[in-house]
């Protein structure tokens, strides 16, 4: 019997099985760090209450100046964004005054009173 140049048909897979296979692939790619990176956590320190959100290397797209060391945070470097939880002029002003810090600079900062 001569060989056929036509590709073989794949056997029909029911839609429910295809959906279950896709769900398994999504669970395999689940990364808890990616999920938690978008949420701001509350940190208490002697200098006040702070909201801290991690920025991953994938999301770091601009140059920022770290207030801890006055050096540039280049694009592609993971860092944290910090704003005051108890800002005098409210939440909108606190978010407008947020700052990008190197992770190390934020952890080792000196606690000065505001």
Protein backbone atom coordinates (compact mmCIF):
# COMPACT_ATOMS: atom_id res chain seq x y z
CA UNK A 1 0.00 0.00 0.00
CA UNK A 2 1.49 3.40 -0.94
CA UNK A 3 2.15 6.07 1.74
CA UNK A 4 -0.17 9.01 1.88
CA UNK A 5 1.20 12.56 2.05
CA UNK A 6 -1.82 13.71 3.96
CA UNK A 7 -1.41 14.25 7.69
CA UNK A 8 -3.29 11.87 9.89
CA UNK A 9 -6.35 13.16 11.64
CA UNK A 10 -6.18 13.34 15.36
CA UNK A 11 -8.88 11.42 17.14
CA UNK A 12 -11.75 13.62 18.27
CA UNK A 13 -11.35 14.67 21.91
CA UNK A 14 -14.51 15.67 23.76
CA UNK A 15 -14.72 19.34 24.71
CA UNK A 16 -14.82 18.55 28.45
CA UNK A 17 -11.51 16.66 28.24
CA UNK A 18 -9.87 19.53 26.35
CA UNK A 19 -11.05 22.01 29.00
CA UNK A 20 -9.73 19.79 31.80
CA UNK A 21 -6.35 19.50 30.06
CA UNK A 22 -6.16 23.30 29.72
CA UNK A 23 -6.99 23.72 33.41
CA UNK A 24 -4.18 21.31 34.37
CA UNK A 25 -1.71 23.33 32.27
CA UNK A 26 -2.77 26.54 34.00
CA UNK A 27 -2.26 24.97 37.43
CA UNK A 28 1.20 23.80 36.43
CA UNK A 29 2.13 27.42 35.56
CA UNK A 30 0.75 28.80 38.84
CA UNK A 31 3.32 30.96 40.60
CA UNK A 32 2.28 32.38 44.01
CA UNK A 33 4.94 35.11 43.84
CA UNK A 34 3.35 36.44 40.67
CA UNK A 35 -0.03 36.57 42.36
CA UNK A 36 1.22 38.28 45.52
CA UNK A 37 3.36 40.82 43.67
CA UNK A 38 0.34 42.92 42.72
CA UNK A 39 -1.01 43.29 46.27
CA UNK A 40 0.18 45.91 48.72
CA UNK A 41 0.90 44.59 52.19
CA UNK A 42 0.77 46.68 55.35
CA UNK A 43 4.03 47.12 57.26
CA UNK A 44 4.32 48.72 60.67
CA UNK A 45 7.51 50.50 61.65
CA UNK A 46 8.57 53.13 64.20
CA UNK A 47 8.14 55.77 61.50
CA UNK A 48 4.52 54.83 60.71
CA UNK A 49 2.30 52.45 58.80
CA UNK A 50 3.35 51.76 55.20
CA UNK A 51 1.78 50.03 52.23
CA UNK A 52 4.45 48.09 50.34
CA UNK A 53 3.97 46.54 46.90
CA UNK A 54 6.61 44.48 45.11
CA UNK A 55 7.43 45.26 41.50
CA UNK A 56 8.75 42.29 39.54
CA UNK A 57 11.49 42.46 36.94
CA UNK A 58 8.88 42.00 34.23
CA UNK A 59 6.86 45.01 35.44
CA UNK A 60 9.80 47.35 36.13
CA UNK A 61 9.75 49.40 32.94
CA UNK A 62 11.06 52.88 33.87
CA UNK A 63 13.96 54.55 35.66
CA UNK A 64 13.25 55.56 39.27
CA UNK A 65 15.42 57.23 41.89
CA UNK A 66 15.59 55.35 45.19
CA UNK A 67 15.11 57.76 48.14
CA UNK A 68 17.23 55.47 50.35
CA UNK A 69 20.47 55.66 48.38
CA UNK A 70 19.68 58.32 45.73
CA UNK A 71 20.70 55.92 42.96
CA UNK A 72 18.76 55.00 39.85
CA UNK A 73 16.62 51.87 39.78
CA UNK A 74 16.96 50.87 36.10
CA UNK A 75 14.26 49.07 34.10
CA UNK A 76 14.21 45.32 34.68
CA UNK A 77 15.28 45.47 38.35
CA UNK A 78 12.83 44.17 40.95
CA UNK A 79 12.06 46.70 43.70
CA UNK A 80 9.25 47.88 46.00
CA UNK A 81 6.78 50.76 45.83
CA UNK A 82 5.97 52.33 49.19
CA UNK A 83 3.38 54.85 50.35
CA UNK A 84 2.12 56.01 53.74
CA UNK A 85 -0.99 54.33 55.09
CA UNK A 86 -1.86 57.27 57.37
CA UNK A 87 -1.20 60.25 55.09
CA UNK A 88 -2.34 63.62 56.43
CA UNK A 89 -4.32 64.47 53.28
CA UNK A 90 -5.90 61.08 52.65
CA UNK A 91 -5.43 58.03 50.49
CA UNK A 92 -5.22 59.83 47.13
CA UNK A 93 -2.41 62.06 48.37
CA UNK A 94 -0.61 59.05 49.83
CA UNK A 95 -0.71 57.23 46.49
CA UNK A 96 0.49 60.38 44.72
CA UNK A 97 3.47 60.55 47.15
CA UNK A 98 4.50 56.91 46.65
CA UNK A 99 8.18 56.18 46.14
CA UNK A 100 10.12 53.38 44.47
CA UNK A 101 12.83 51.87 46.68
CA UNK A 102 15.47 49.20 46.17
CA UNK A 103 14.32 46.23 48.23
CA UNK A 104 17.55 46.25 50.23
CA UNK A 105 17.34 50.00 50.87
CA UNK A 106 13.77 49.65 52.15
CA UNK A 107 14.66 46.80 54.51
CA UNK A 108 17.73 48.58 55.94
CA UNK A 109 16.37 52.15 56.11
CA UNK A 110 16.78 54.25 59.22
CA UNK A 111 13.56 55.00 61.05
CA UNK A 112 13.28 58.76 61.12
CA UNK A 113 10.18 60.43 62.44
CA UNK A 114 8.12 62.16 59.79
